[in-house]
Amino acid sequence: MAWRPHDPTHHPCRSQRFTSRSRNVRIKRTLSVGTALAVSCLATVVATNATAANPAPVHSQHHEHGMGLDLAALRAHKAPKSPVKHGALQAPRPRPGDVPSSFDLSTYALSPGDQGRVGSCVTWATGYSGYGILMKEQGISGSPMAPMFIYSQIAQGNDQGTWASVALPMEQKQGIDTKDDYWQGDFDYTTQPDDNERANAAHYKLSGWQQLPTSGSKAKAAIQDAISQGMPVPIGFTVHQSFMDMDAATASSYSYLPGDSHSDPVEGGHEVTIVGYNDKGVKIENSWGGNWGDGGFFTVPWSFFDTGDVDEVSAMGKLVTS
């Protein structure tokens, strides 16, 4: 065996003891990490169980749809307490007592349209849904009509919304173009109608329209009067979250009423079209496509008109045919 100088720091037993001590330290550290992980996992399980037992409030995730009723501007103009007629409606008024207990114009209605996320609900309610009923009633070809013919002129590139008392006079004066002729489509609120589109729209003018009361027995009587004469009735109202989330069962049951603004947050304003009524309430066509509500339609009880959420009610007269 080769000779080596004595090393006072070298001791076989001491080296082994240091090695064992290092191994023990590593084992203790491993155990400490394992214990910490176990405690962390246990805390997570406890927290999860506590959350399950006491879940946090969850807000419903509703689909996003365009609306577009300009509530601020509309509310600056007070709704009439009695019907106010604009133009010659060309519709016979029924004698007292002749208004039927129920009436349904939905047999004349087009399939509900879809405004997308553009704030064009007013011109969909009037220019698409309302016109669709009137044209089929009167046997006039050309529908469906183009809501953006009117809305683009109102918006001028600014998707700010509007209300029926702005759109209906334009439809009375200008008419509205057909979708087949209006090349700008359903969502372009910037490009203005060209001369050819304006000329075609002039063949489809309203004879007139009416502003109706928005609440109570006067609203009910005026709506029944208009619908029973074949006049679609656009209405503008304040939208709560529960309306956005409405399912088919609620939409068809004449039971929907909004909650207060705290429990049922306000989402904005919207315009839709009443197409029928009975003793329970009214049937309404929306512009959010056929997958919303009851095939794109919904119902509300007559008491909906006592909630204070109805901001405007109008009646559309027949189209000029001469």
C-alpha atoms as a PDB file:
ATOM      1  CA  MET A   1       0.000   0.000   0.000  1.00  0.00           C
ATOM      2  CA  ALA A   2       1.380   3.402  -0.948  1.00  0.00           C
ATOM      3  CA  TRP A   3       2.326   5.734   1.805  1.00  0.00           C
ATOM      4  CA  ARG A   4       0.484   9.055   2.194  1.00  0.00           C
ATOM      5  CA  PRO A   5       1.084  11.869   4.620  1.00  0.00           C
ATOM      6  CA  HIS A   6      -1.102  12.059   7.678  1.00  0.00           C
ATOM      7  CA  ASP A   7      -4.136  14.278   7.204  1.00  0.00           C
ATOM      8  CA  PRO A   8      -5.439  15.438  10.556  1.00  0.00           C
ATOM      9  CA  THR A   9      -8.813  16.404   8.997  1.00  0.00           C
ATOM     10  CA  HIS A  10      -9.370  12.968   7.570  1.00  0.00           C
ATOM     11  CA  HIS A  11     -11.147  10.423   9.728  1.00  0.00           C
ATOM     12  CA  PRO A  12     -13.111   7.522   8.223  1.00  0.00           C
ATOM     13  CA  CYS A  13     -15.671   7.466  11.016  1.00  0.00           C
ATOM     14  CA  ARG A  14     -16.074  11.264  10.924  1.00  0.00           C
ATOM     15  CA  SER A  15     -16.686  11.203   7.175  1.00  0.00           C
ATOM     16  CA  GLN A  16     -19.279   8.488   7.593  1.00  0.00           C
ATOM     17  CA  ARG A  17     -20.921  10.445  10.403  1.00  0.00           C
ATOM     18  CA  PHE A  18     -21.039  13.592   8.221  1.00  0.00           C
ATOM     19  CA  THR A  19     -22.533  11.542   5.389  1.00  0.00           C
ATOM     20  CA  SER A  20     -25.188  10.071   7.649  1.00  0.00           C
ATOM     21  CA  ARG A  21     -25.986  13.496   9.064  1.00  0.00           C
ATOM     22  CA  SER A  22     -26.394  14.930   5.545  1.00  0.00           C
ATOM     23  CA  ARG A  23     -28.669  12.043   4.616  1.00  0.00           C
ATOM     24  CA  ASN A  24     -30.752  12.656   7.748  1.00  0.00           C
ATOM     25  CA  VAL A  25     -31.014  16.353   6.907  1.00  0.00           C
ATOM     26  CA  ARG A  26     -32.183  15.520   3.392  1.00  0.00           C
ATOM     27  CA  ILE A  27     -34.735  13.039   4.765  1.00  0.00           C
ATOM     28  CA  LYS A  28     -36.032  15.620   7.239  1.00  0.00           C
ATOM     29  CA  ARG A  29     -36.293  18.231   4.474  1.00  0.00           C
ATOM     30  CA  THR A  30     -38.148  15.749   2.274  1.00  0.00           C
ATOM     31  CA  LEU A  31     -40.511  14.916   5.109  1.00  0.00           C
ATOM     32  CA  SER A  32     -41.057  18.619   5.783  1.00  0.00           C
ATOM     33  CA  VAL A  33     -41.906  19.293   2.132  1.00  0.00           C
ATOM     34  CA  GLY A  34     -44.215  16.289   2.059  1.00  0.00           C
ATOM     35  CA  THR A  35     -45.926  17.407   5.233  1.00  0.00           C
ATOM     36  CA  ALA A  36     -46.403  20.914   3.814  1.00  0.00           C
ATOM     37  CA  LEU A  37     -47.914  19.532   0.625  1.00  0.00           C
ATOM     38  CA  ALA A  38     -50.240  17.308   2.613  1.00  0.00           C
ATOM     39  CA  VAL A  39     -51.389  20.252   4.728  1.00  0.00           C
ATOM     40  CA  SER A  40     -51.874  22.361   1.601  1.00  0.00           C
ATOM     41  CA  CYS A  41     -53.972  19.663  -0.078  1.00  0.00           C
ATOM     42  CA  LEU A  42     -56.043  19.232   3.071  1.00  0.00           C
ATOM     43  CA  ALA A  43     -56.656  22.978   3.205  1.00  0.00           C
ATOM     44  CA  THR A  44     -57.745  22.942  -0.441  1.00  0.00           C
ATOM     45  CA  VAL A  45     -60.195  20.104   0.225  1.00  0.00           C
ATOM     46  CA  VAL A  46     -61.609  21.915   3.248  1.00  0.00           C
ATOM     47  CA  ALA A  47     -61.935  25.162   1.271  1.00  0.00           C
ATOM     48  CA  THR A  48     -63.599  23.352  -1.614  1.00  0.00           C
ATOM     49  CA  ASN A  49     -66.089  21.683   0.720  1.00  0.00           C
ATOM     50  CA  ALA A  50     -66.800  25.025   2.369  1.00  0.00           C
ATOM     51  CA  THR A  51     -67.411  26.630  -1.034  1.00  0.00           C
ATOM     52  CA  ALA A  52     -69.747  23.811  -2.012  1.00  0.00           C
ATOM     53  CA  ALA A  53     -71.651  24.232   1.230  1.00  0.00           C
ATOM     54  CA  ASN A  54     -71.820  28.030   0.848  1.00  0.00           C
ATOM     55  CA  PRO A  55     -71.523  28.851  -2.867  1.00  0.00           C
ATOM     56  CA  ALA A  56     -70.903  32.426  -3.937  1.00  0.00           C
ATOM     57  CA  PRO A  57     -73.696  34.112  -5.913  1.00  0.00           C
ATOM     58  CA  VAL A  58     -73.465  33.323  -9.604  1.00  0.00           C
ATOM     59  CA  HIS A  59     -74.858  35.653 -12.257  1.00  0.00           C
ATOM     60  CA  SER A  60     -76.447  33.941 -15.237  1.00  0.00           C
ATOM     61  CA  GLN A  61     -74.350  34.032 -18.382  1.00  0.00           C
ATOM     62  CA  HIS A  62     -76.795  35.270 -21.005  1.00  0.00           C
ATOM     63  CA  HIS A  63     -76.241  35.511 -24.712  1.00  0.00           C
ATOM     64  CA  GLU A  64     -75.329  38.945 -25.971  1.00  0.00           C
ATOM     65  CA  HIS A  65     -77.864  40.556 -28.274  1.00  0.00           C
ATOM     66  CA  GLY A  66     -78.201  44.000 -29.714  1.00  0.00           C
ATOM     67  CA  MET A  67     -80.881  46.307 -28.379  1.00  0.00           C
ATOM     68  CA  GLY A  68     -80.954  49.999 -29.289  1.00  0.00           C
ATOM     69  CA  LEU A  69     -83.920  51.802 -27.740  1.00  0.00           C
ATOM     70  CA  ASP A  70     -82.522  55.210 -26.770  1.00  0.00           C
ATOM     71  CA  LEU A  71     -84.152  55.458 -23.353  1.00  0.00           C
ATOM     72  CA  ALA A  72     -82.666  58.819 -22.392  1.00  0.00           C
ATOM     73  CA  ALA A  73     -83.878  60.556 -25.531  1.00  0.00           C
ATOM     74  CA  LEU A  74     -87.240  58.801 -25.460  1.00  0.00           C
ATOM     75  CA  ARG A  75     -87.956  59.712 -21.844  1.00  0.00           C
ATOM     76  CA  ALA A  76     -87.380  63.348 -22.672  1.00  0.00           C
ATOM     77  CA  HIS A  77     -90.562  63.061 -24.763  1.00  0.00           C
ATOM     78  CA  LYS A  78     -93.582  62.197 -22.623  1.00  0.00           C
ATOM     79  CA  ALA A  79     -95.820  59.391 -23.849  1.00  0.00           C
ATOM     80  CA  PRO A  80     -99.403  60.475 -24.645  1.00  0.00           C
ATOM     81  CA  LYS A  81    -102.262  59.614 -22.302  1.00  0.00           C
ATOM     82  CA  SER A  82    -104.563  59.041 -25.282  1.00  0.00           C
ATOM     83  CA  PRO A  83    -103.836  57.836 -28.845  1.00  0.00           C
ATOM     84  CA  VAL A  84    -102.257  60.446 -31.112  1.00  0.00           C
ATOM     85  CA  LYS A  85    -102.694  59.836 -34.842  1.00  0.00           C
ATOM     86  CA  HIS A  86    -100.106  60.783 -37.466  1.00  0.00           C
ATOM     87  CA  GLY A  87    -101.331  60.580 -41.060  1.00  0.00           C
ATOM     88  CA  ALA A  88    -104.248  58.661 -42.539  1.00  0.00           C
ATOM     89  CA  LEU A  89    -104.110  55.163 -41.090  1.00  0.00           C
ATOM     90  CA  GLN A  90    -106.449  53.628 -43.689  1.00  0.00           C
ATOM     91  CA  ALA A  91    -107.902  51.210 -41.160  1.00  0.00           C
ATOM     92  CA  PRO A  92    -111.577  51.110 -40.068  1.00  0.00           C
ATOM     93  CA  ARG A  93    -112.115  51.777 -36.384  1.00  0.00           C
ATOM     94  CA  PRO A  94    -114.353  49.198 -34.674  1.00  0.00           C
ATOM     95  CA  ARG A  95    -117.556  50.260 -32.977  1.00  0.00           C
ATOM     96  CA  PRO A  96    -117.608  50.131 -29.150  1.00  0.00           C
ATOM     97  CA  GLY A  97    -118.044  46.551 -28.021  1.00  0.00           C
ATOM     98  CA  ASP A  98    -116.793  45.112 -31.316  1.00  0.00           C
ATOM     99  CA  VAL A  99    -113.199  44.509 -30.169  1.00  0.00           C
ATOM    100  CA  PRO A 100    -112.749  40.726 -29.887  1.00  0.00           C
ATOM    101  CA  SER A 101    -111.430  39.138 -26.689  1.00  0.00           C
ATOM    102  CA  SER A 102    -108.446  37.752 -28.606  1.00  0.00           C
ATOM    103  CA  PHE A 103    -106.753  38.443 -31.930  1.00  0.00           C
ATOM    104  CA  ASP A 104    -103.583  37.064 -33.511  1.00  0.00           C
ATOM    105  CA  LEU A 105    -101.575  38.577 -36.359  1.00  0.00           C
ATOM    106  CA  SER A 106     -98.703  36.105 -36.033  1.00  0.00           C
ATOM    107  CA  THR A 107    -100.105  34.078 -38.934  1.00  0.00           C
ATOM    108  CA  TYR A 108     -98.962  37.000 -41.114  1.00  0.00           C
ATOM    109  CA  ALA A 109     -95.600  37.388 -39.366  1.00  0.00           C
ATOM    110  CA  LEU A 110     -92.239  36.639 -40.923  1.00  0.00           C
ATOM    111  CA  SER A 111     -89.824  34.324 -39.129  1.00  0.00           C
ATOM    112  CA  PRO A 112     -88.192  36.434 -36.405  1.00  0.00           C
ATOM    113  CA  GLY A 113     -85.193  38.345 -37.720  1.00  0.00           C
ATOM    114  CA  ASP A 114     -81.819  38.765 -36.045  1.00  0.00           C
ATOM    115  CA  GLN A 115     -80.360  42.231 -35.574  1.00  0.00           C
ATOM    116  CA  GLY A 116     -77.024  40.841 -34.375  1.00  0.00           C
ATOM    117  CA  ARG A 117     -75.229  43.155 -31.966  1.00  0.00           C
ATOM    118  CA  VAL A 118     -76.200  46.359 -33.748  1.00  0.00           C
ATOM    119  CA  GLY A 119     -78.505  48.741 -31.847  1.00  0.00           C
ATOM    120  CA  SER A 120     -81.118  48.656 -34.600  1.00  0.00           C
ATOM    121  CA  CYS A 121     -84.035  47.063 -32.724  1.00  0.00           C
ATOM    122  CA  VAL A 122     -86.438  49.905 -33.543  1.00  0.00           C
ATOM    123  CA  THR A 123     -86.135  49.487 -37.299  1.00  0.00           C
ATOM    124  CA  TRP A 124     -86.326  45.705 -36.969  1.00  0.00           C
ATOM    125  CA  ALA A 125     -89.517  46.045 -34.911  1.00  0.00           C
ATOM    126  CA  THR A 126     -91.078  48.479 -37.382  1.00  0.00           C
ATOM    127  CA  GLY A 127     -89.356  47.898 -40.730  1.00  0.00           C
ATOM    128  CA  TYR A 128     -88.998  44.123 -40.541  1.00  0.00           C
ATOM    129  CA  SER A 129     -91.606  42.660 -38.165  1.00  0.00           C
ATOM    130  CA  GLY A 130     -94.276  45.335 -38.579  1.00  0.00           C
ATOM    131  CA  TYR A 131     -93.878  45.672 -42.328  1.00  0.00           C
ATOM    132  CA  GLY A 132     -93.820  41.896 -42.720  1.00  0.00           C
ATOM    133  CA  ILE A 133     -97.299  41.631 -41.207  1.00  0.00           C
ATOM    134  CA  LEU A 134     -98.756  44.571 -43.114  1.00  0.00           C
ATOM    135  CA  MET A 135     -97.464  43.433 -46.492  1.00  0.00           C
ATOM    136  CA  LYS A 136     -98.759  39.901 -46.102  1.00  0.00           C
ATOM    137  CA  GLU A 137    -102.130  41.198 -44.871  1.00  0.00           C
ATOM    138  CA  GLN A 138    -102.419  43.490 -47.877  1.00  0.00           C
ATOM    139  CA  GLY A 139    -101.025  41.018 -50.404  1.00  0.00           C
ATOM    140  CA  ILE A 140     -98.059  43.264 -51.257  1.00  0.00           C
ATOM    141  CA  SER A 141     -94.982  41.463 -52.571  1.00  0.00           C
ATOM    142  CA  GLY A 142     -91.364  42.349 -51.850  1.00  0.00           C
ATOM    143  CA  SER A 143     -90.845  41.511 -48.174  1.00  0.00           C
ATOM    144  CA  PRO A 144     -88.785  41.115 -46.107  1.00  0.00           C
ATOM    145  CA  MET A 145     -87.765  44.725 -45.866  1.00  0.00           C
ATOM    146  CA  ALA A 146     -84.336  46.155 -44.987  1.00  0.00           C
ATOM    147  CA  PRO A 147     -84.172  47.615 -41.449  1.00  0.00           C
ATOM    148  CA  MET A 148     -80.826  49.273 -42.138  1.00  0.00           C
ATOM    149  CA  PHE A 149     -82.336  51.455 -44.858  1.00  0.00           C
ATOM    150  CA  ILE A 150     -83.841  53.556 -42.066  1.00  0.00           C
ATOM    151  CA  TYR A 151     -81.357  52.909 -39.265  1.00  0.00           C
ATOM    152  CA  SER A 152     -78.286  53.894 -41.288  1.00  0.00           C
ATOM    153  CA  GLN A 153     -79.873  57.298 -41.918  1.00  0.00           C
ATOM    154  CA  ILE A 154     -80.510  57.756 -38.201  1.00  0.00           C
ATOM    155  CA  ALA A 155     -77.162  56.420 -36.976  1.00  0.00           C
ATOM    156  CA  GLN A 156     -74.919  58.050 -39.595  1.00  0.00           C
ATOM    157  CA  GLY A 157     -72.122  55.700 -38.520  1.00  0.00           C
ATOM    158  CA  ASN A 158     -72.809  56.139 -34.790  1.00  0.00           C
ATOM    159  CA  ASP A 159     -74.604  53.086 -33.387  1.00  0.00           C
ATOM    160  CA  GLN A 160     -76.536  55.102 -30.822  1.00  0.00           C
ATOM    161  CA  GLY A 161     -80.015  53.582 -31.125  1.00  0.00           C
ATOM    162  CA  THR A 162     -83.275  55.473 -31.620  1.00  0.00           C
ATOM    163  CA  TRP A 163     -87.004  55.209 -30.833  1.00  0.00           C
ATOM    164  CA  ALA A 164     -90.147  54.554 -32.835  1.00  0.00           C
ATOM    165  CA  SER A 165     -91.296  58.167 -32.995  1.00  0.00           C
ATOM    166  CA  VAL A 166     -88.165  58.857 -35.050  1.00  0.00           C
ATOM    167  CA  ALA A 167     -88.294  55.812 -37.337  1.00  0.00           C
ATOM    168  CA  LEU A 168     -92.025  55.680 -38.103  1.00  0.00           C
ATOM    169  CA  PRO A 169     -92.275  59.204 -39.597  1.00  0.00           C
ATOM    170  CA  MET A 170     -89.364  58.303 -41.874  1.00  0.00           C
ATOM    171  CA  GLU A 171     -91.153  55.133 -42.982  1.00  0.00           C
ATOM    172  CA  GLN A 172     -94.260  57.222 -43.611  1.00  0.00           C
ATOM    173  CA  LYS A 173     -92.376  59.816 -45.652  1.00  0.00           C
ATOM    174  CA  GLN A 174     -89.725  57.706 -47.414  1.00  0.00           C
ATOM    175  CA  GLY A 175     -90.994  54.142 -47.253  1.00  0.00           C
ATOM    176  CA  ILE A 176     -88.415  51.379 -46.821  1.00  0.00           C
ATOM    177  CA  ASP A 177     -86.365  49.336 -49.258  1.00  0.00           C
ATOM    178  CA  THR A 178     -86.623  45.583 -49.715  1.00  0.00           C
ATOM    179  CA  LYS A 179     -83.829  43.298 -48.539  1.00  0.00           C
ATOM    180  CA  ASP A 180     -83.448  41.953 -52.058  1.00  0.00           C
ATOM    181  CA  ASP A 181     -82.686  45.455 -53.327  1.00  0.00           C
ATOM    182  CA  TYR A 182     -80.717  46.830 -50.376  1.00  0.00           C
ATOM    183  CA  TRP A 183     -77.152  45.649 -50.986  1.00  0.00           C
ATOM    184  CA  GLN A 184     -75.688  46.999 -47.699  1.00  0.00           C
ATOM    185  CA  GLY A 185     -77.087  44.078 -45.678  1.00  0.00           C
ATOM    186  CA  ASP A 186     -78.369  43.818 -42.106  1.00  0.00           C
ATOM    187  CA  PHE A 187     -75.544  45.339 -40.066  1.00  0.00           C
ATOM    188  CA  ASP A 188     -74.059  48.310 -41.966  1.00  0.00           C
ATOM    189  CA  TYR A 189     -75.218  51.466 -40.159  1.00  0.00           C
ATOM    190  CA  THR A 190     -72.719  53.735 -41.917  1.00  0.00           C
ATOM    191  CA  THR A 191     -73.275  53.413 -45.675  1.00  0.00           C
ATOM    192  CA  GLN A 192     -76.251  55.512 -46.766  1.00  0.00           C
ATOM    193  CA  PRO A 193     -78.977  54.392 -49.193  1.00  0.00           C
ATOM    194  CA  ASP A 194     -78.273  55.223 -52.817  1.00  0.00           C
ATOM    195  CA  ASP A 195     -80.713  56.863 -55.230  1.00  0.00           C
ATOM    196  CA  ASN A 196     -81.974  53.569 -56.639  1.00  0.00           C
ATOM    197  CA  GLU A 197     -82.708  52.230 -53.149  1.00  0.00           C
ATOM    198  CA  ARG A 198     -84.570  55.396 -52.221  1.00  0.00           C
ATOM    199  CA  ALA A 199     -86.645  55.145 -55.376  1.00  0.00           C
ATOM    200  CA  ASN A 200     -87.573  51.547 -54.615  1.00  0.00           C
ATOM    201  CA  ALA A 201     -88.382  52.365 -50.981  1.00  0.00           C
ATOM    202  CA  ALA A 202     -90.895  54.987 -52.102  1.00  0.00           C
ATOM    203  CA  HIS A 203     -93.230  52.171 -53.199  1.00  0.00           C
ATOM    204  CA  TYR A 204     -93.604  51.023 -49.575  1.00  0.00           C
ATOM    205  CA  LYS A 205     -94.753  54.004 -47.516  1.00  0.00           C
ATOM    206  CA  LEU A 206     -96.858  53.796 -44.373  1.00  0.00           C
ATOM    207  CA  SER A 207    -100.194  55.570 -44.519  1.00  0.00           C
ATOM    208  CA  GLY A 208     -99.630  56.756 -40.953  1.00  0.00           C
ATOM    209  CA  TRP A 209     -99.037  55.657 -37.385  1.00  0.00           C
ATOM    210  CA  GLN A 210    -100.308  56.269 -33.865  1.00  0.00           C
ATOM    211  CA  GLN A 211     -98.713  56.950 -30.508  1.00  0.00           C
ATOM    212  CA  LEU A 212    -100.566  54.949 -27.854  1.00  0.00           C
ATOM    213  CA  PRO A 213    -100.709  55.094 -24.036  1.00  0.00           C
ATOM    214  CA  THR A 214     -98.063  53.025 -22.271  1.00  0.00           C
ATOM    215  CA  SER A 215     -99.786  51.870 -19.085  1.00  0.00           C
ATOM    216  CA  GLY A 216    -103.003  50.765 -17.446  1.00  0.00           C
ATOM    217  CA  SER A 217    -106.398  50.125 -18.969  1.00  0.00           C
ATOM    218  CA  LYS A 218    -105.892  52.784 -21.643  1.00  0.00           C
ATOM    219  CA  ALA A 219    -102.848  50.956 -22.997  1.00  0.00           C
ATOM    220  CA  LYS A 220    -104.729  47.656 -23.010  1.00  0.00           C
ATOM    221  CA  ALA A 221    -107.723  49.117 -24.853  1.00  0.00           C
ATOM    222  CA  ALA A 222    -105.541  50.897 -27.421  1.00  0.00           C
ATOM    223  CA  ILE A 223    -103.458  47.776 -28.115  1.00  0.00           C
ATOM    224  CA  GLN A 224    -106.562  45.628 -28.543  1.00  0.00           C
ATOM    225  CA  ASP A 225    -108.065  48.240 -30.828  1.00  0.00           C
ATOM    226  CA  ALA A 226    -104.980  48.417 -33.049  1.00  0.00           C
ATOM    227  CA  ILE A 227    -104.257  44.690 -33.273  1.00  0.00           C
ATOM    228  CA  SER A 228    -107.882  43.845 -34.027  1.00  0.00           C
ATOM    229  CA  GLN A 229    -107.691  46.282 -36.961  1.00  0.00           C
ATOM    230  CA  GLY A 230    -104.646  44.459 -38.311  1.00  0.00           C
ATOM    231  CA  MET A 231    -102.096  47.035 -37.158  1.00  0.00           C
ATOM    232  CA  PRO A 232     -98.862  45.692 -35.613  1.00  0.00           C
ATOM    233  CA  VAL A 233     -97.867  47.455 -32.401  1.00  0.00           C
ATOM    234  CA  PRO A 234     -94.174  48.202 -31.742  1.00  0.00           C
ATOM    235  CA  ILE A 235     -93.357  48.767 -28.071  1.00  0.00           C
ATOM    236  CA  GLY A 236     -90.202  50.045 -26.399  1.00  0.00           C
ATOM    237  CA  PHE A 237     -89.353  48.925 -22.882  1.00  0.00           C
ATOM    238  CA  THR A 238     -86.624  48.715 -20.256  1.00  0.00           C
ATOM    239  CA  VAL A 239     -84.778  45.388 -20.415  1.00  0.00           C
ATOM    240  CA  HIS A 240     -83.700  43.503 -17.302  1.00  0.00           C
ATOM    241  CA  GLN A 241     -81.241  40.607 -17.200  1.00  0.00           C
ATOM    242  CA  SER A 242     -84.054  38.093 -16.697  1.00  0.00           C
ATOM    243  CA  PHE A 243     -85.425  39.032 -20.111  1.00  0.00           C
ATOM    244  CA  MET A 244     -82.091  38.287 -21.764  1.00  0.00           C
ATOM    245  CA  ASP A 245     -82.111  34.836 -20.153  1.00  0.00           C
ATOM    246  CA  MET A 246     -85.754  33.992 -20.905  1.00  0.00           C
ATOM    247  CA  ASP A 247     -86.396  30.333 -21.735  1.00  0.00           C
ATOM    248  CA  ALA A 248     -89.098  28.859 -23.952  1.00  0.00           C
ATOM    249  CA  ALA A 249     -91.377  27.889 -21.054  1.00  0.00           C
ATOM    250  CA  THR A 250     -91.446  31.409 -19.630  1.00  0.00           C
ATOM    251  CA  ALA A 251     -91.686  32.966 -23.087  1.00  0.00           C
ATOM    252  CA  SER A 252     -94.877  31.055 -23.870  1.00  0.00           C
ATOM    253  CA  SER A 253     -96.658  31.222 -20.500  1.00  0.00           C
ATOM    254  CA  TYR A 254     -97.811  34.879 -20.249  1.00  0.00           C
ATOM    255  CA  SER A 255     -96.009  34.992 -16.894  1.00  0.00           C
ATOM    256  CA  TYR A 256     -92.871  37.080 -17.414  1.00  0.00           C
ATOM    257  CA  LEU A 257     -92.467  40.097 -15.164  1.00  0.00           C
ATOM    258  CA  PRO A 258     -89.106  41.724 -14.384  1.00  0.00           C
ATOM    259  CA  GLY A 259     -87.682  42.024 -10.890  1.00  0.00           C
ATOM    260  CA  ASP A 260     -86.426  45.224  -9.311  1.00  0.00           C
ATOM    261  CA  SER A 261     -83.222  46.804 -10.585  1.00  0.00           C
ATOM    262  CA  HIS A 262     -81.202  45.425  -7.639  1.00  0.00           C
ATOM    263  CA  SER A 263     -82.105  41.758  -8.011  1.00  0.00           C
ATOM    264  CA  ASP A 264     -82.667  41.937 -11.771  1.00  0.00           C
ATOM    265  CA  PRO A 265     -80.176  44.439 -13.249  1.00  0.00           C
ATOM    266  CA  VAL A 266     -81.208  46.730 -16.088  1.00  0.00           C
ATOM    267  CA  GLU A 267     -79.416  45.948 -19.363  1.00  0.00           C
ATOM    268  CA  GLY A 268     -80.795  48.736 -21.568  1.00  0.00           C
ATOM    269  CA  GLY A 269     -83.797  49.522 -23.757  1.00  0.00           C
ATOM    270  CA  HIS A 270     -85.321  47.436 -26.536  1.00  0.00           C
ATOM    271  CA  GLU A 271     -88.068  47.688 -29.178  1.00  0.00           C
ATOM    272  CA  VAL A 272     -90.202  44.700 -30.209  1.00  0.00           C
ATOM    273  CA  THR A 273     -93.563  44.174 -31.933  1.00  0.00           C
ATOM    274  CA  ILE A 274     -96.869  43.032 -30.441  1.00  0.00           C
ATOM    275  CA  VAL A 275     -98.536  40.632 -32.879  1.00  0.00           C
ATOM    276  CA  GLY A 276    -101.490  39.353 -30.850  1.00  0.00           C
ATOM    277  CA  TYR A 277    -103.428  39.455 -27.594  1.00  0.00           C
ATOM    278  CA  ASN A 278    -105.884  37.474 -25.468  1.00  0.00           C
ATOM    279  CA  ASP A 279    -107.317  37.734 -21.973  1.00  0.00           C
ATOM    280  CA  LYS A 280    -103.947  36.762 -20.447  1.00  0.00           C
ATOM    281  CA  GLY A 281    -101.750  39.308 -22.188  1.00  0.00           C
ATOM    282  CA  VAL A 282     -99.901  39.934 -25.455  1.00  0.00           C
ATOM    283  CA  LYS A 283     -97.764  37.922 -27.868  1.00  0.00           C
ATOM    284  CA  ILE A 284     -94.636  39.676 -29.133  1.00  0.00           C
ATOM    285  CA  GLU A 285     -92.100  39.150 -31.915  1.00  0.00           C
ATOM    286  CA  ASN A 286     -88.460  39.843 -31.015  1.00  0.00           C
ATOM    287  CA  SER A 287     -85.469  40.431 -33.318  1.00  0.00           C
ATOM    288  CA  TRP A 288     -82.958  38.041 -31.728  1.00  0.00           C
ATOM    289  CA  GLY A 289     -83.491  35.137 -34.102  1.00  0.00           C
ATOM    290  CA  GLY A 290     -85.509  31.959 -33.748  1.00  0.00           C
ATOM    291  CA  ASN A 291     -83.328  30.347 -31.076  1.00  0.00           C
ATOM    292  CA  TRP A 292     -84.274  32.866 -28.393  1.00  0.00           C
ATOM    293  CA  GLY A 293     -87.457  32.597 -26.317  1.00  0.00           C
ATOM    294  CA  ASP A 294     -90.302  30.636 -27.876  1.00  0.00           C
ATOM    295  CA  GLY A 295     -89.040  30.397 -31.444  1.00  0.00           C
ATOM    296  CA  GLY A 296     -88.160  34.097 -31.399  1.00  0.00           C
ATOM    297  CA  PHE A 297     -91.484  35.151 -29.816  1.00  0.00           C
ATOM    298  CA  PHE A 298     -92.474  35.766 -26.187  1.00  0.00           C
ATOM    299  CA  THR A 299     -95.538  36.677 -24.163  1.00  0.00           C
ATOM    300  CA  VAL A 300     -96.180  38.980 -21.222  1.00  0.00           C
ATOM    301  CA  PRO A 301     -99.268  39.420 -19.013  1.00  0.00           C
ATOM    302  CA  TRP A 302    -101.311  42.590 -19.173  1.00  0.00           C
ATOM    303  CA  SER A 303     -99.801  43.547 -15.810  1.00  0.00           C
ATOM    304  CA  PHE A 304     -96.475  44.058 -17.616  1.00  0.00           C
ATOM    305  CA  PHE A 305     -97.902  47.429 -18.672  1.00  0.00           C
ATOM    306  CA  ASP A 306     -98.204  48.405 -15.002  1.00  0.00           C
ATOM    307  CA  THR A 307     -94.523  47.844 -14.148  1.00  0.00           C
ATOM    308  CA  GLY A 308     -93.367  51.262 -15.326  1.00  0.00           C
ATOM    309  CA  ASP A 309     -90.940  49.589 -17.735  1.00  0.00           C
ATOM    310  CA  VAL A 310     -92.935  50.271 -20.916  1.00  0.00           C
ATOM    311  CA  ASP A 311     -91.620  53.485 -22.439  1.00  0.00           C
ATOM    312  CA  GLU A 312     -93.454  53.754 -25.770  1.00  0.00           C
ATOM    313  CA  VAL A 313     -96.280  52.035 -27.641  1.00  0.00           C
ATOM    314  CA  SER A 314     -97.154  52.729 -31.282  1.00  0.00           C
ATOM    315  CA  ALA A 315     -99.471  51.363 -33.958  1.00  0.00           C
ATOM    316  CA  MET A 316     -98.488  51.072 -37.621  1.00  0.00           C
ATOM    317  CA  GLY A 317    -101.085  51.966 -40.241  1.00  0.00           C
ATOM    318  CA  LYS A 318    -101.558  50.158 -43.534  1.00  0.00           C
ATOM    319  CA  LEU A 319     -99.216  50.721 -46.466  1.00  0.00           C
ATOM    320  CA  VAL A 320    -100.182  53.245 -49.125  1.00  0.00           C
ATOM    321  CA  THR A 321    -101.384  51.312 -52.155  1.00  0.00           C
ATOM    322  CA  SER A 322    -102.476  54.035 -54.578  1.00  0.00           C
END
